[in-house]
């Protein structure tokens, strides 16, 4: 017999404290950022270019982009799973593949965006006054050029370790977002 306040639905499982979720999110972001920074450093080492003056800045760029991507992917996955659960597949393998694709796309996209911001900051001194028609065109084309350059030159720094690290990180992210 049910009590007046009890529900007949089964519980969704134990809920985690917000502080635990935040610590898990920050730790995951830091680890994913370090993994992608190490991936880039390993590729530069294989190419014999790790000793360049730009290596620390590149490490920070790749690590920062990956850390932001981890947070964005985890937040999006949590939002969809809690607010719109019918959008996510119930089968774990398909859900893991979608989460891996999302994390990989977000990592490359956000890192390219950060590269574009740095690229734009360098060329801004030669651009027109802010918010003029010329400035808007210069801003758009400089940013597009930076993203293109990152995709052509920077994407290869994720290979061959990046996909392997992505496969290893997906179960961790999947467990975090349940």
C-alpha atoms as a PDB file:
ATOM      1  CA  UNK A   1       0.000   0.000   0.000  1.00  0.00           C
ATOM      2  CA  UNK A   2       1.336   3.413  -0.959  1.00  0.00           C
ATOM      3  CA  UNK A   3       1.618   6.330   1.369  1.00  0.00           C
ATOM      4  CA  UNK A   4       0.057   9.628   0.443  1.00  0.00           C
ATOM      5  CA  UNK A   5       3.343  11.338  -0.478  1.00  0.00           C
ATOM      6  CA  UNK A   6       5.025   8.423  -2.260  1.00  0.00           C
ATOM      7  CA  UNK A   7       5.167   8.133  -6.003  1.00  0.00           C
ATOM      8  CA  UNK A   8       4.555   4.951  -7.948  1.00  0.00           C
ATOM      9  CA  UNK A   9       7.409   5.754 -10.374  1.00  0.00           C
ATOM     10  CA  UNK A  10      10.771   4.125  -9.774  1.00  0.00           C
ATOM     11  CA  UNK A  11      13.498   6.508  -8.707  1.00  0.00           C
ATOM     12  CA  UNK A  12      16.009   7.636 -11.295  1.00  0.00           C
ATOM     13  CA  UNK A  13      18.874   6.581  -9.085  1.00  0.00           C
ATOM     14  CA  UNK A  14      20.981   8.450  -6.578  1.00  0.00           C
ATOM     15  CA  UNK A  15      21.473  12.108  -7.312  1.00  0.00           C
ATOM     16  CA  UNK A  16      24.870  13.677  -6.917  1.00  0.00           C
ATOM     17  CA  UNK A  17      25.565  16.879  -5.033  1.00  0.00           C
ATOM     18  CA  UNK A  18      26.277  19.938  -7.188  1.00  0.00           C
ATOM     19  CA  UNK A  19      29.713  20.288  -5.577  1.00  0.00           C
ATOM     20  CA  UNK A  20      30.595  16.719  -6.604  1.00  0.00           C
ATOM     21  CA  UNK A  21      29.464  17.407 -10.163  1.00  0.00           C
ATOM     22  CA  UNK A  22      31.524  20.599 -10.275  1.00  0.00           C
ATOM     23  CA  UNK A  23      34.675  18.892  -8.988  1.00  0.00           C
ATOM     24  CA  UNK A  24      34.190  16.065 -11.483  1.00  0.00           C
ATOM     25  CA  UNK A  25      33.679  18.569 -14.298  1.00  0.00           C
ATOM     26  CA  UNK A  26      36.782  20.594 -13.423  1.00  0.00           C
ATOM     27  CA  UNK A  27      38.960  17.484 -13.016  1.00  0.00           C
ATOM     28  CA  UNK A  28      37.733  16.097 -16.331  1.00  0.00           C
ATOM     29  CA  UNK A  29      38.388  19.406 -18.081  1.00  0.00           C
ATOM     30  CA  UNK A  30      41.900  19.642 -16.663  1.00  0.00           C
ATOM     31  CA  UNK A  31      42.714  16.049 -17.599  1.00  0.00           C
ATOM     32  CA  UNK A  32      41.310  16.394 -21.120  1.00  0.00           C
ATOM     33  CA  UNK A  33      43.185  19.670 -21.554  1.00  0.00           C
ATOM     34  CA  UNK A  34      46.447  18.095 -20.396  1.00  0.00           C
ATOM     35  CA  UNK A  35      45.838  15.098 -22.651  1.00  0.00           C
ATOM     36  CA  UNK A  36      45.335  17.262 -25.739  1.00  0.00           C
ATOM     37  CA  UNK A  37      48.310  19.457 -24.824  1.00  0.00           C
ATOM     38  CA  UNK A  38      50.429  16.324 -24.424  1.00  0.00           C
ATOM     39  CA  UNK A  39      49.091  15.014 -27.737  1.00  0.00           C
ATOM     40  CA  UNK A  40      50.239  18.197 -29.465  1.00  0.00           C
ATOM     41  CA  UNK A  41      53.618  18.088 -27.684  1.00  0.00           C
ATOM     42  CA  UNK A  42      54.136  14.449 -28.687  1.00  0.00           C
ATOM     43  CA  UNK A  43      53.481  15.280 -32.336  1.00  0.00           C
ATOM     44  CA  UNK A  44      55.868  18.241 -32.214  1.00  0.00           C
ATOM     45  CA  UNK A  45      58.474  15.979 -30.609  1.00  0.00           C
ATOM     46  CA  UNK A  46      58.022  13.408 -33.390  1.00  0.00           C
ATOM     47  CA  UNK A  47      58.504  16.177 -35.942  1.00  0.00           C
ATOM     48  CA  UNK A  48      61.579  17.496 -34.111  1.00  0.00           C
ATOM     49  CA  UNK A  49      59.952  20.868 -33.411  1.00  0.00           C
ATOM     50  CA  UNK A  50      59.246  20.680 -29.692  1.00  0.00           C
ATOM     51  CA  UNK A  51      62.184  22.961 -28.865  1.00  0.00           C
ATOM     52  CA  UNK A  52      60.734  25.983 -30.638  1.00  0.00           C
ATOM     53  CA  UNK A  53      59.922  29.151 -28.765  1.00  0.00           C
ATOM     54  CA  UNK A  54      56.203  28.772 -29.572  1.00  0.00           C
ATOM     55  CA  UNK A  55      55.759  25.301 -28.025  1.00  0.00           C
ATOM     56  CA  UNK A  56      54.577  26.530 -24.579  1.00  0.00           C
ATOM     57  CA  UNK A  57      52.023  28.860 -26.165  1.00  0.00           C
ATOM     58  CA  UNK A  58      50.790  26.056 -28.408  1.00  0.00           C
ATOM     59  CA  UNK A  59      50.502  23.759 -25.399  1.00  0.00           C
ATOM     60  CA  UNK A  60      48.359  26.346 -23.603  1.00  0.00           C
ATOM     61  CA  UNK A  61      46.245  26.874 -26.724  1.00  0.00           C
ATOM     62  CA  UNK A  62      45.545  23.162 -27.210  1.00  0.00           C
ATOM     63  CA  UNK A  63      45.041  22.497 -23.498  1.00  0.00           C
ATOM     64  CA  UNK A  64      42.778  25.519 -23.037  1.00  0.00           C
ATOM     65  CA  UNK A  65      40.653  24.695 -26.070  1.00  0.00           C
ATOM     66  CA  UNK A  66      40.270  21.091 -24.951  1.00  0.00           C
ATOM     67  CA  UNK A  67      39.367  22.058 -21.369  1.00  0.00           C
ATOM     68  CA  UNK A  68      36.679  24.451 -22.565  1.00  0.00           C
ATOM     69  CA  UNK A  69      35.416  21.802 -24.987  1.00  0.00           C
ATOM     70  CA  UNK A  70      35.114  19.237 -22.166  1.00  0.00           C
ATOM     71  CA  UNK A  71      33.006  21.634 -20.108  1.00  0.00           C
ATOM     72  CA  UNK A  72      30.851  22.583 -23.104  1.00  0.00           C
ATOM     73  CA  UNK A  73      30.291  18.952 -24.123  1.00  0.00           C
ATOM     74  CA  UNK A  74      29.501  17.821 -20.574  1.00  0.00           C
ATOM     75  CA  UNK A  75      27.131  20.735 -20.033  1.00  0.00           C
ATOM     76  CA  UNK A  76      25.344  20.116 -23.328  1.00  0.00           C
ATOM     77  CA  UNK A  77      25.038  16.405 -22.617  1.00  0.00           C
ATOM     78  CA  UNK A  78      23.710  17.029 -19.099  1.00  0.00           C
ATOM     79  CA  UNK A  79      21.260  19.611 -20.389  1.00  0.00           C
ATOM     80  CA  UNK A  80      19.919  17.321 -23.083  1.00  0.00           C
ATOM     81  CA  UNK A  81      19.767  14.250 -20.839  1.00  0.00           C
ATOM     82  CA  UNK A  82      17.921  16.117 -18.096  1.00  0.00           C
ATOM     83  CA  UNK A  83      15.706  18.488 -20.084  1.00  0.00           C
ATOM     84  CA  UNK A  84      15.189  16.639 -23.352  1.00  0.00           C
ATOM     85  CA  UNK A  85      15.865  12.955 -22.641  1.00  0.00           C
ATOM     86  CA  UNK A  86      14.066  11.764 -25.765  1.00  0.00           C
ATOM     87  CA  UNK A  87      16.700  13.382 -27.982  1.00  0.00           C
ATOM     88  CA  UNK A  88      19.451  11.068 -26.735  1.00  0.00           C
ATOM     89  CA  UNK A  89      19.439   7.431 -27.736  1.00  0.00           C
ATOM     90  CA  UNK A  90      18.920   4.935 -24.928  1.00  0.00           C
ATOM     91  CA  UNK A  91      21.474   2.452 -26.235  1.00  0.00           C
ATOM     92  CA  UNK A  92      24.839   3.064 -24.597  1.00  0.00           C
ATOM     93  CA  UNK A  93      27.060   2.377 -27.675  1.00  0.00           C
ATOM     94  CA  UNK A  94      25.236   4.889 -29.849  1.00  0.00           C
ATOM     95  CA  UNK A  95      25.193   7.425 -27.045  1.00  0.00           C
ATOM     96  CA  UNK A  96      28.950   6.952 -26.541  1.00  0.00           C
ATOM     97  CA  UNK A  97      29.639   7.464 -30.248  1.00  0.00           C
ATOM     98  CA  UNK A  98      27.568  10.657 -30.313  1.00  0.00           C
ATOM     99  CA  UNK A  99      29.311  11.947 -27.202  1.00  0.00           C
ATOM    100  CA  UNK A 100      32.749  11.149 -28.676  1.00  0.00           C
ATOM    101  CA  UNK A 101      31.891  12.956 -31.909  1.00  0.00           C
ATOM    102  CA  UNK A 102      30.611  15.933 -29.958  1.00  0.00           C
ATOM    103  CA  UNK A 103      33.745  16.085 -27.773  1.00  0.00           C
ATOM    104  CA  UNK A 104      36.065  15.739 -30.759  1.00  0.00           C
ATOM    105  CA  UNK A 105      34.215  18.384 -32.789  1.00  0.00           C
ATOM    106  CA  UNK A 106      34.048  20.761 -29.820  1.00  0.00           C
ATOM    107  CA  UNK A 107      37.757  20.298 -29.072  1.00  0.00           C
ATOM    108  CA  UNK A 108      38.843  21.133 -32.605  1.00  0.00           C
ATOM    109  CA  UNK A 109      36.300  23.938 -33.045  1.00  0.00           C
ATOM    110  CA  UNK A 110      36.998  25.706 -29.763  1.00  0.00           C
ATOM    111  CA  UNK A 111      40.764  25.396 -30.172  1.00  0.00           C
ATOM    112  CA  UNK A 112      40.457  26.831 -33.695  1.00  0.00           C
ATOM    113  CA  UNK A 113      38.360  29.651 -32.243  1.00  0.00           C
ATOM    114  CA  UNK A 114      40.997  30.434 -29.633  1.00  0.00           C
ATOM    115  CA  UNK A 115      43.644  30.391 -32.358  1.00  0.00           C
ATOM    116  CA  UNK A 116      41.501  32.818 -34.367  1.00  0.00           C
ATOM    117  CA  UNK A 117      41.266  35.181 -31.383  1.00  0.00           C
ATOM    118  CA  UNK A 118      45.054  35.174 -31.000  1.00  0.00           C
ATOM    119  CA  UNK A 119      45.554  35.548 -34.765  1.00  0.00           C
ATOM    120  CA  UNK A 120      43.071  38.411 -34.864  1.00  0.00           C
ATOM    121  CA  UNK A 121      44.786  40.142 -31.921  1.00  0.00           C
ATOM    122  CA  UNK A 122      48.079  40.121 -33.832  1.00  0.00           C
ATOM    123  CA  UNK A 123      46.618  41.594 -37.027  1.00  0.00           C
ATOM    124  CA  UNK A 124      44.289  44.068 -35.285  1.00  0.00           C
ATOM    125  CA  UNK A 125      46.937  46.795 -35.256  1.00  0.00           C
ATOM    126  CA  UNK A 126      46.682  47.078 -39.061  1.00  0.00           C
ATOM    127  CA  UNK A 127      42.881  46.992 -39.217  1.00  0.00           C
ATOM    128  CA  UNK A 128      40.514  49.912 -39.628  1.00  0.00           C
ATOM    129  CA  UNK A 129      38.706  51.633 -36.764  1.00  0.00           C
ATOM    130  CA  UNK A 130      36.358  49.399 -34.809  1.00  0.00           C
ATOM    131  CA  UNK A 131      32.814  48.712 -36.023  1.00  0.00           C
ATOM    132  CA  UNK A 132      33.261  50.313 -39.430  1.00  0.00           C
ATOM    133  CA  UNK A 133      32.369  48.438 -42.593  1.00  0.00           C
ATOM    134  CA  UNK A 134      36.035  47.845 -43.395  1.00  0.00           C
ATOM    135  CA  UNK A 135      36.713  46.624 -39.859  1.00  0.00           C
ATOM    136  CA  UNK A 136      33.835  44.132 -40.021  1.00  0.00           C
ATOM    137  CA  UNK A 137      35.148  42.721 -43.311  1.00  0.00           C
ATOM    138  CA  UNK A 138      38.701  42.581 -41.958  1.00  0.00           C
ATOM    139  CA  UNK A 139      37.464  40.902 -38.771  1.00  0.00           C
ATOM    140  CA  UNK A 140      35.476  38.272 -40.667  1.00  0.00           C
ATOM    141  CA  UNK A 141      38.157  37.445 -43.203  1.00  0.00           C
ATOM    142  CA  UNK A 142      40.990  37.437 -40.658  1.00  0.00           C
ATOM    143  CA  UNK A 143      39.024  35.094 -38.396  1.00  0.00           C
ATOM    144  CA  UNK A 144      38.055  32.824 -41.301  1.00  0.00           C
ATOM    145  CA  UNK A 145      41.665  32.730 -42.446  1.00  0.00           C
ATOM    146  CA  UNK A 146      42.833  31.813 -38.950  1.00  0.00           C
ATOM    147  CA  UNK A 147      40.325  28.976 -38.639  1.00  0.00           C
ATOM    148  CA  UNK A 148      41.336  27.694 -42.071  1.00  0.00           C
ATOM    149  CA  UNK A 149      45.031  27.826 -41.159  1.00  0.00           C
ATOM    150  CA  UNK A 150      44.366  25.978 -37.914  1.00  0.00           C
ATOM    151  CA  UNK A 151      42.404  23.264 -39.684  1.00  0.00           C
ATOM    152  CA  UNK A 152      45.127  22.824 -42.311  1.00  0.00           C
ATOM    153  CA  UNK A 153      48.202  23.094 -40.068  1.00  0.00           C
ATOM    154  CA  UNK A 154      46.991  22.534 -36.513  1.00  0.00           C
ATOM    155  CA  UNK A 155      44.617  19.615 -36.963  1.00  0.00           C
ATOM    156  CA  UNK A 156      47.488  17.279 -37.808  1.00  0.00           C
ATOM    157  CA  UNK A 157      48.923  17.909 -34.333  1.00  0.00           C
ATOM    158  CA  UNK A 158      46.015  15.887 -32.914  1.00  0.00           C
ATOM    159  CA  UNK A 159      47.093  12.826 -34.890  1.00  0.00           C
ATOM    160  CA  UNK A 160      47.830   9.959 -34.193  1.00  0.00           C
ATOM    161  CA  UNK A 161      47.222  10.158 -30.411  1.00  0.00           C
ATOM    162  CA  UNK A 162      44.115  12.365 -30.402  1.00  0.00           C
ATOM    163  CA  UNK A 163      41.602   9.753 -31.586  1.00  0.00           C
ATOM    164  CA  UNK A 164      43.004   7.202 -29.145  1.00  0.00           C
ATOM    165  CA  UNK A 165      42.694   9.658 -26.264  1.00  0.00           C
ATOM    166  CA  UNK A 166      39.168  10.502 -27.430  1.00  0.00           C
ATOM    167  CA  UNK A 167      38.188   6.828 -27.263  1.00  0.00           C
ATOM    168  CA  UNK A 168      39.692   6.597 -23.777  1.00  0.00           C
ATOM    169  CA  UNK A 169      37.963   9.769 -22.548  1.00  0.00           C
ATOM    170  CA  UNK A 170      34.489   8.945 -23.864  1.00  0.00           C
ATOM    171  CA  UNK A 171      33.542   6.422 -21.131  1.00  0.00           C
ATOM    172  CA  UNK A 172      34.654   8.911 -18.472  1.00  0.00           C
ATOM    173  CA  UNK A 173      32.538  11.659 -19.982  1.00  0.00           C
ATOM    174  CA  UNK A 174      29.653   9.260 -20.472  1.00  0.00           C
ATOM    175  CA  UNK A 175      29.771   8.256 -16.805  1.00  0.00           C
ATOM    176  CA  UNK A 176      29.953  11.910 -15.764  1.00  0.00           C
ATOM    177  CA  UNK A 177      26.917  12.924 -17.769  1.00  0.00           C
ATOM    178  CA  UNK A 178      24.542  10.205 -16.532  1.00  0.00           C
END
